[in-house]
């Protein structure tokens, strides 16, 4: 999720979409909620994302922050 640029882009481009912005707990941006973007603190290396819960998941600049031991 980062600072929310892509989440904001999606919500502006597709206002009817339910956009969920997620990041690790240390990087939450609650001001996105005021813009109609749901936020979720999620460490996908330790918590399930959910099966068939989302239509699209994007991961910008993520892999370089994950220790190789966390990959399954």
C-alpha atoms as a PDB file:
ATOM      1  CA  UNK A   1       0.000   0.000   0.000  1.00  0.00           C
ATOM      2  CA  UNK A   2       2.689   2.512   0.791  1.00  0.00           C
ATOM      3  CA  UNK A   3       1.364   6.067   1.079  1.00  0.00           C
ATOM      4  CA  UNK A   4      -1.695   5.246  -1.015  1.00  0.00           C
ATOM      5  CA  UNK A   5      -1.018   6.718  -4.448  1.00  0.00           C
ATOM      6  CA  UNK A   6      -2.227   3.646  -6.334  1.00  0.00           C
ATOM      7  CA  UNK A   7      -5.203   3.163  -4.016  1.00  0.00           C
ATOM      8  CA  UNK A   8      -6.227   6.780  -4.607  1.00  0.00           C
ATOM      9  CA  UNK A   9      -5.763   6.372  -8.363  1.00  0.00           C
ATOM     10  CA  UNK A  10      -8.031   3.316  -8.435  1.00  0.00           C
ATOM     11  CA  UNK A  11     -10.728   4.977  -6.314  1.00  0.00           C
ATOM     12  CA  UNK A  12     -10.674   8.110  -8.497  1.00  0.00           C
ATOM     13  CA  UNK A  13     -10.662   6.153 -11.756  1.00  0.00           C
ATOM     14  CA  UNK A  14     -13.292   3.617 -10.625  1.00  0.00           C
ATOM     15  CA  UNK A  15     -15.414   5.307  -7.908  1.00  0.00           C
ATOM     16  CA  UNK A  16     -17.804   2.358  -7.623  1.00  0.00           C
ATOM     17  CA  UNK A  17     -14.980  -0.048  -6.733  1.00  0.00           C
ATOM     18  CA  UNK A  18     -14.404  -1.056  -3.137  1.00  0.00           C
ATOM     19  CA  UNK A  19     -10.703  -0.317  -2.773  1.00  0.00           C
ATOM     20  CA  UNK A  20      -8.847  -1.790   0.207  1.00  0.00           C
ATOM     21  CA  UNK A  21      -5.434  -0.332   0.982  1.00  0.00           C
ATOM     22  CA  UNK A  22      -3.214  -2.569   3.090  1.00  0.00           C
ATOM     23  CA  UNK A  23       0.250  -2.375   4.508  1.00  0.00           C
ATOM     24  CA  UNK A  24       2.148  -3.540   7.533  1.00  0.00           C
ATOM     25  CA  UNK A  25       0.933  -2.014  10.802  1.00  0.00           C
ATOM     26  CA  UNK A  26       3.840   0.409  10.940  1.00  0.00           C
ATOM     27  CA  UNK A  27       2.631   2.097   7.737  1.00  0.00           C
ATOM     28  CA  UNK A  28      -1.075   2.776   8.101  1.00  0.00           C
ATOM     29  CA  UNK A  29      -2.692   5.868   6.588  1.00  0.00           C
ATOM     30  CA  UNK A  30      -6.121   6.321   8.234  1.00  0.00           C
ATOM     31  CA  UNK A  31      -6.767   9.487   6.188  1.00  0.00           C
ATOM     32  CA  UNK A  32      -7.511   7.176   3.247  1.00  0.00           C
ATOM     33  CA  UNK A  33     -10.678   6.070   5.073  1.00  0.00           C
ATOM     34  CA  UNK A  34     -11.946   9.658   4.745  1.00  0.00           C
ATOM     35  CA  UNK A  35     -11.550   9.298   0.973  1.00  0.00           C
ATOM     36  CA  UNK A  36     -13.682   6.142   0.849  1.00  0.00           C
ATOM     37  CA  UNK A  37     -10.738   3.757   0.756  1.00  0.00           C
ATOM     38  CA  UNK A  38     -10.843   0.966   3.325  1.00  0.00           C
ATOM     39  CA  UNK A  39      -7.569   0.304   5.124  1.00  0.00           C
ATOM     40  CA  UNK A  40      -6.247  -2.949   6.506  1.00  0.00           C
ATOM     41  CA  UNK A  41      -3.137  -3.644   8.563  1.00  0.00           C
ATOM     42  CA  UNK A  42      -1.855  -6.910   7.167  1.00  0.00           C
ATOM     43  CA  UNK A  43       1.376  -8.856   7.312  1.00  0.00           C
ATOM     44  CA  UNK A  44       0.722 -11.249   4.444  1.00  0.00           C
ATOM     45  CA  UNK A  45       3.786 -13.288   5.406  1.00  0.00           C
ATOM     46  CA  UNK A  46       2.084 -14.303   8.676  1.00  0.00           C
ATOM     47  CA  UNK A  47      -1.645 -13.814   8.080  1.00  0.00           C
ATOM     48  CA  UNK A  48      -3.901 -15.192   5.346  1.00  0.00           C
ATOM     49  CA  UNK A  49      -5.135 -12.720   2.755  1.00  0.00           C
ATOM     50  CA  UNK A  50      -8.329 -14.706   2.203  1.00  0.00           C
ATOM     51  CA  UNK A  51      -9.269 -17.135  -0.522  1.00  0.00           C
ATOM     52  CA  UNK A  52     -11.267 -15.582  -3.396  1.00  0.00           C
ATOM     53  CA  UNK A  53     -11.787 -12.445  -1.309  1.00  0.00           C
ATOM     54  CA  UNK A  54     -10.375  -9.914  -3.799  1.00  0.00           C
ATOM     55  CA  UNK A  55     -10.685  -9.489  -7.561  1.00  0.00           C
ATOM     56  CA  UNK A  56      -7.306  -7.765  -7.884  1.00  0.00           C
ATOM     57  CA  UNK A  57      -4.255  -7.633  -5.635  1.00  0.00           C
ATOM     58  CA  UNK A  58      -1.289  -5.447  -6.537  1.00  0.00           C
ATOM     59  CA  UNK A  59       2.050  -5.529  -4.765  1.00  0.00           C
ATOM     60  CA  UNK A  60       4.233  -2.572  -5.690  1.00  0.00           C
ATOM     61  CA  UNK A  61       7.823  -2.675  -4.444  1.00  0.00           C
ATOM     62  CA  UNK A  62       7.127  -5.442  -1.937  1.00  0.00           C
ATOM     63  CA  UNK A  63       9.360  -8.408  -2.640  1.00  0.00           C
ATOM     64  CA  UNK A  64      12.600  -6.624  -1.729  1.00  0.00           C
ATOM     65  CA  UNK A  65      11.271  -6.020   1.796  1.00  0.00           C
ATOM     66  CA  UNK A  66      10.525  -9.678   2.530  1.00  0.00           C
ATOM     67  CA  UNK A  67      13.209 -11.952   3.946  1.00  0.00           C
ATOM     68  CA  UNK A  68      13.667 -15.071   1.751  1.00  0.00           C
ATOM     69  CA  UNK A  69      12.872 -17.326   4.714  1.00  0.00           C
ATOM     70  CA  UNK A  70       9.263 -15.987   4.640  1.00  0.00           C
ATOM     71  CA  UNK A  71       8.550 -17.285   1.126  1.00  0.00           C
ATOM     72  CA  UNK A  72       6.679 -20.553   0.822  1.00  0.00           C
END
